[in-house]
Amino acid sequence: MGLKFYKNRVCFNVLANSVQNATDIYEAAEGHVLVGLLAKNYKTVEEAIQDLNRYAEAVHGAVSVGLGAGDPCQWRKVADICRLYKPPHVNQVFTAVGYTRAALNNDDPLINSLVSPSGQPGFVRISTGPLSEGYQPGLVPIDTAIAMVKDMGGNSIKFFPMKGMTYVEEFKAVAKACSEANFCVEPTGGLDPENYGEILRIALEAGVPKIIPHIYSSIMDPHTGDTDIEQVKQLWMLTKKWVDACA
């Protein structure tokens, strides 16, 4: 089944500490969720693919291949995973989107492109690769960044790190541009059940066609490493509330 958006608008992305945790997450969100597996957590591509197969079987294919805290050094491993496994959703740095689409040899998976706040609404930093991040920030207008991602075969802007509501004014500009370009948006970094509704509302009211918020550590049990199922249920309730309100 893979990607399942509530009313064709929202599917949120969380982590799981085990196959059972993933199964519980999927059931709690009634399938409107992606379970992220991070390349950084695996020594080899083969190990990652073994886990992807196990998790995908448990959650009807609703898995996402991630970098791991936006680590640009994981870009090649993500792309190499995609050569052998075709996930429905892939996280990638801006500079490696085209490489990854070619590795997939498939137009179907959704590939996001990691761009970062610039400090100036309407502009984003696209220098998010392992080499480029160490140079003077590459700042471009968000509509230009979206066009470049489209050129490379990407489908979505991953805006990271949001640091909760710190960059909300920049996120508003990103959401507006994504709406105008009929492009997906993925707010990431510091999202929690308290700010989730407001961030989601901004994107929905802007008219973004599809939204994939990422909520990670804030809903994880620090003792077990599991994602808290009650908080997943809360996110699912908030998702329905805001999508229905903005319909």
Protein backbone atom coordinates (compact mmCIF):
# COMPACT_ATOMS: atom_id res chain seq x y z
CA MET A 1 0.00 0.00 0.00
CA GLY A 2 2.83 2.43 0.87
CA LEU A 3 1.90 6.11 1.13
CA LYS A 4 -1.60 6.79 2.43
CA PHE A 5 -2.67 10.42 2.89
CA TYR A 6 -5.70 11.40 4.94
CA LYS A 7 -8.16 12.92 2.47
CA ASN A 8 -5.25 13.02 0.03
CA ARG A 9 -3.50 15.72 2.12
CA VAL A 10 -1.52 14.50 5.17
CA CYS A 11 0.62 11.52 6.13
CA PHE A 12 2.99 11.92 9.07
CA ASN A 13 6.42 10.34 9.51
CA VAL A 14 7.68 8.78 12.77
CA LEU A 15 10.37 6.35 13.90
CA ALA A 16 9.91 2.87 15.36
CA ASN A 17 12.16 0.93 17.71
CA SER A 18 10.93 -2.51 16.65
CA VAL A 19 8.63 -4.24 14.20
CA GLN A 20 6.01 -4.51 16.93
CA ASN A 21 6.31 -0.80 17.67
CA ALA A 22 5.92 -0.11 13.94
CA THR A 23 2.82 -2.30 13.77
CA ASP A 24 1.27 -0.48 16.72
CA ILE A 25 2.09 2.90 15.15
CA TYR A 26 0.49 1.91 11.86
CA GLU A 27 -2.68 0.72 13.56
CA ALA A 28 -2.89 3.82 15.78
CA ALA A 29 -2.73 6.12 12.74
CA GLU A 30 -5.04 3.90 10.69
CA GLY A 31 -2.33 3.62 8.06
CA HIS A 32 -1.82 7.37 7.51
CA VAL A 33 1.79 7.20 8.61
CA LEU A 34 5.28 6.40 7.38
CA VAL A 35 7.71 4.47 9.57
CA GLY A 36 11.18 5.86 9.09
CA LEU A 37 14.31 3.71 9.02
CA LEU A 38 17.56 5.65 9.11
CA ALA A 39 20.57 4.79 6.97
CA LYS A 40 22.84 6.05 9.75
CA ASN A 41 21.74 3.17 11.98
CA TYR A 42 23.08 0.48 9.63
CA LYS A 43 26.63 -0.56 8.91
CA THR A 44 25.78 -1.89 5.46
CA VAL A 45 23.17 -1.46 2.75
CA GLU A 46 22.32 -5.15 3.05
CA GLU A 47 21.47 -4.81 6.76
CA ALA A 48 19.21 -1.86 6.00
CA ILE A 49 17.36 -3.74 3.28
CA GLN A 50 16.79 -6.73 5.56
CA ASP A 51 15.12 -4.44 8.08
CA LEU A 52 13.17 -2.57 5.42
CA ASN A 53 11.68 -5.84 4.23
CA ARG A 54 10.71 -6.86 7.77
CA TYR A 55 9.15 -3.52 8.62
CA ALA A 56 7.43 -3.14 5.25
CA GLU A 57 5.71 -6.48 5.68
CA ALA A 58 4.37 -5.35 9.06
CA VAL A 59 3.11 -1.93 7.90
CA HIS A 60 1.90 -2.72 4.39
CA GLY A 61 4.88 -1.05 2.70
CA ALA A 62 4.56 2.26 4.59
CA VAL A 63 8.30 2.76 5.17
CA SER A 64 10.56 5.73 4.62
CA VAL A 65 14.33 5.64 4.06
CA GLY A 66 15.96 8.44 6.04
CA LEU A 67 19.42 9.88 6.48
CA GLY A 68 19.55 10.15 10.28
CA ALA A 69 19.23 13.65 11.78
CA GLY A 70 19.75 15.07 8.31
CA ASP A 71 23.32 13.73 8.20
CA PRO A 72 24.60 14.62 4.71
CA CYS A 73 27.29 11.93 4.93
CA GLN A 74 24.53 9.31 4.62
CA TRP A 75 23.41 10.46 1.18
CA ARG A 76 25.27 7.73 -0.71
CA LYS A 77 24.02 4.95 1.54
CA VAL A 78 20.44 6.15 1.04
CA ALA A 79 20.93 6.14 -2.72
CA ASP A 80 22.56 2.71 -2.67
CA ILE A 81 19.64 1.34 -0.66
CA CYS A 82 17.34 2.70 -3.35
CA ARG A 83 19.17 0.76 -6.05
CA LEU A 84 18.05 -2.49 -4.47
CA TYR A 85 14.88 -1.53 -2.60
CA LYS A 86 12.18 0.80 -3.93
CA PRO A 87 10.60 2.49 -0.89
CA PRO A 88 7.56 4.74 -1.31
CA HIS A 89 9.36 7.64 0.40
CA VAL A 90 13.01 8.74 0.44
CA ASN A 91 14.77 11.51 2.37
CA GLN A 92 17.75 13.11 0.66
CA VAL A 93 19.99 16.17 0.74
CA PHE A 94 19.40 18.77 -1.97
CA THR A 95 22.55 17.99 -3.91
CA ALA A 96 21.84 14.23 -4.21
CA VAL A 97 18.22 14.22 -5.38
CA GLY A 98 19.05 13.63 -9.06
CA TYR A 99 21.52 10.86 -8.22
CA THR A 100 18.91 9.16 -6.07
CA ARG A 101 16.17 9.35 -8.68
CA ALA A 102 18.54 7.71 -11.16
CA ALA A 103 19.44 5.03 -8.59
CA LEU A 104 15.75 4.24 -8.12
CA ASN A 105 15.25 3.96 -11.89
CA ASN A 106 11.60 4.56 -11.06
CA ASP A 107 9.38 7.65 -11.03
CA ASP A 108 7.00 6.40 -8.35
CA PRO A 109 8.80 6.87 -4.99
CA LEU A 110 8.48 10.31 -3.44
CA ILE A 111 11.91 11.88 -2.92
CA ASN A 112 12.20 14.92 -0.70
CA SER A 113 14.99 17.45 -0.84
CA LEU A 114 16.46 18.78 2.38
CA VAL A 115 16.74 22.56 2.47
CA SER A 116 17.43 24.62 5.59
CA PRO A 117 16.28 27.93 7.04
CA SER A 118 18.20 30.93 5.78
CA GLY A 119 17.24 33.57 8.32
CA GLN A 120 15.25 35.39 5.65
CA PRO A 121 11.65 34.43 4.76
CA GLY A 122 11.38 33.53 1.08
CA PHE A 123 14.92 32.16 0.87
CA VAL A 124 16.31 28.74 1.81
CA ARG A 125 19.77 27.23 2.10
CA ILE A 126 20.32 24.54 -0.53
CA SER A 127 23.96 23.82 0.38
CA THR A 128 23.00 20.77 2.45
CA GLY A 129 25.38 18.21 0.93
CA PRO A 130 28.44 16.80 2.72
CA LEU A 131 30.83 19.18 0.98
CA SER A 132 28.64 22.18 0.26
CA GLU A 133 27.44 22.54 3.87
CA GLY A 134 30.98 23.55 4.85
CA TYR A 135 31.06 26.56 2.51
CA GLN A 136 29.34 29.93 2.46
CA PRO A 137 25.60 29.14 2.64
CA GLY A 138 23.99 28.77 -0.77
CA LEU A 139 20.83 30.85 -0.39
CA VAL A 140 18.21 30.92 -3.14
CA PRO A 141 14.57 31.98 -3.37
CA ILE A 142 12.29 29.14 -2.33
CA ASP A 143 10.48 29.12 -5.69
CA THR A 144 13.84 28.70 -7.44
CA ALA A 145 14.77 25.87 -5.08
CA ILE A 146 11.49 24.08 -5.85
CA ALA A 147 12.09 24.42 -9.60
CA MET A 148 15.59 22.98 -9.17
CA VAL A 149 14.25 20.03 -7.17
CA LYS A 150 11.71 19.38 -9.92
CA ASP A 151 14.54 19.51 -12.47
CA MET A 152 16.31 16.77 -10.51
CA GLY A 153 13.25 14.53 -10.23
CA GLY A 154 12.31 15.36 -6.63
CA ASN A 155 8.77 15.74 -5.32
CA SER A 156 8.96 17.56 -2.02
CA ILE A 157 10.70 20.20 0.08
CA LYS A 158 11.92 18.92 3.45
CA PHE A 159 12.35 22.03 5.61
CA PHE A 160 14.92 21.16 8.29
CA PRO A 161 15.66 22.03 11.03
CA MET A 162 12.54 23.98 11.96
CA LYS A 163 13.47 23.94 15.67
CA GLY A 164 9.81 23.87 16.55
CA MET A 165 8.29 27.29 15.89
CA THR A 166 11.63 29.11 15.60
CA TYR A 167 11.44 29.43 11.83
CA VAL A 168 7.68 29.57 11.48
CA GLU A 169 7.74 32.77 9.39
CA GLU A 170 10.14 31.14 6.95
CA PHE A 171 7.95 28.04 6.93
CA LYS A 172 4.96 30.15 5.94
CA ALA A 173 6.87 31.36 2.88
CA VAL A 174 7.92 27.79 2.05
CA ALA A 175 4.33 26.57 2.36
CA LYS A 176 3.05 29.37 0.12
CA ALA A 177 5.64 28.59 -2.55
CA CYS A 178 4.92 24.85 -2.40
CA SER A 179 1.22 25.54 -2.82
CA GLU A 180 1.83 27.76 -5.83
CA ALA A 181 4.12 25.13 -7.39
CA ASN A 182 1.79 22.19 -6.57
CA PHE A 183 4.62 20.69 -4.54
CA CYS A 184 4.77 18.70 -1.31
CA VAL A 185 6.23 20.03 1.93
CA GLU A 186 7.75 18.19 4.92
CA PRO A 187 8.32 20.27 8.07
CA THR A 188 10.95 18.60 10.22
CA GLY A 189 12.87 19.25 13.43
CA GLY A 190 11.42 20.00 16.84
CA LEU A 191 7.83 19.10 16.01
CA ASP A 192 5.80 17.80 18.94
CA PRO A 193 2.12 17.29 19.83
CA GLU A 194 1.95 20.89 21.12
CA ASN A 195 3.11 22.67 17.95
CA TYR A 196 2.07 20.04 15.40
CA GLY A 197 -1.45 21.39 14.91
CA GLU A 198 -0.27 24.95 14.25
CA ILE A 199 2.43 23.87 11.79
CA LEU A 200 -0.04 21.62 10.00
CA ARG A 201 -2.66 24.39 9.90
CA ILE A 202 -0.20 26.78 8.27
CA ALA A 203 0.53 24.32 5.47
CA LEU A 204 -3.11 23.35 4.97
CA GLU A 205 -4.37 26.94 4.86
CA ALA A 206 -1.60 27.84 2.41
CA GLY A 207 -3.02 25.18 0.09
CA VAL A 208 -0.06 22.78 0.02
CA PRO A 209 -1.34 19.70 -1.85
CA LYS A 210 0.43 17.09 0.31
CA ILE A 211 2.10 17.46 3.70
CA ILE A 212 4.36 14.99 5.50
CA PRO A 213 5.31 16.31 8.96
CA HIS A 214 8.15 14.45 10.70
CA ILE A 215 7.76 13.94 14.47
CA TYR A 216 10.61 11.99 16.04
CA SER A 217 12.27 12.29 19.45
CA SER A 218 9.50 14.33 21.08
CA ILE A 219 7.15 11.32 21.06
CA MET A 220 9.70 8.63 21.90
CA ASP A 221 9.98 7.00 25.31
CA PRO A 222 13.51 7.87 26.51
CA HIS A 223 13.75 4.63 28.46
CA THR A 224 12.59 2.10 25.85
CA GLY A 225 13.28 3.98 22.61
CA ASP A 226 9.76 3.16 21.44
CA THR A 227 7.53 5.76 19.85
CA ASP A 228 4.67 6.37 22.27
CA ILE A 229 1.46 4.99 20.80
CA GLU A 230 -0.83 7.30 22.77
CA GLN A 231 0.99 10.28 21.29
CA VAL A 232 0.67 8.79 17.81
CA LYS A 233 -3.08 8.58 18.44
CA GLN A 234 -3.03 12.24 19.50
CA LEU A 235 -1.21 13.21 16.29
CA TRP A 236 -3.73 11.24 14.27
CA MET A 237 -6.63 13.03 15.99
CA LEU A 238 -4.98 16.40 15.32
CA THR A 239 -4.43 15.45 11.69
CA LYS A 240 -8.10 14.65 11.17
CA LYS A 241 -9.17 17.77 13.05
CA TRP A 242 -7.11 20.19 10.94
CA VAL A 243 -7.57 18.52 7.58
CA ASP A 244 -11.33 18.47 8.12
CA ALA A 245 -11.33 22.09 9.34
CA CYS A 246 -9.37 23.29 6.31
CA ALA A 247 -11.29 21.24 3.75
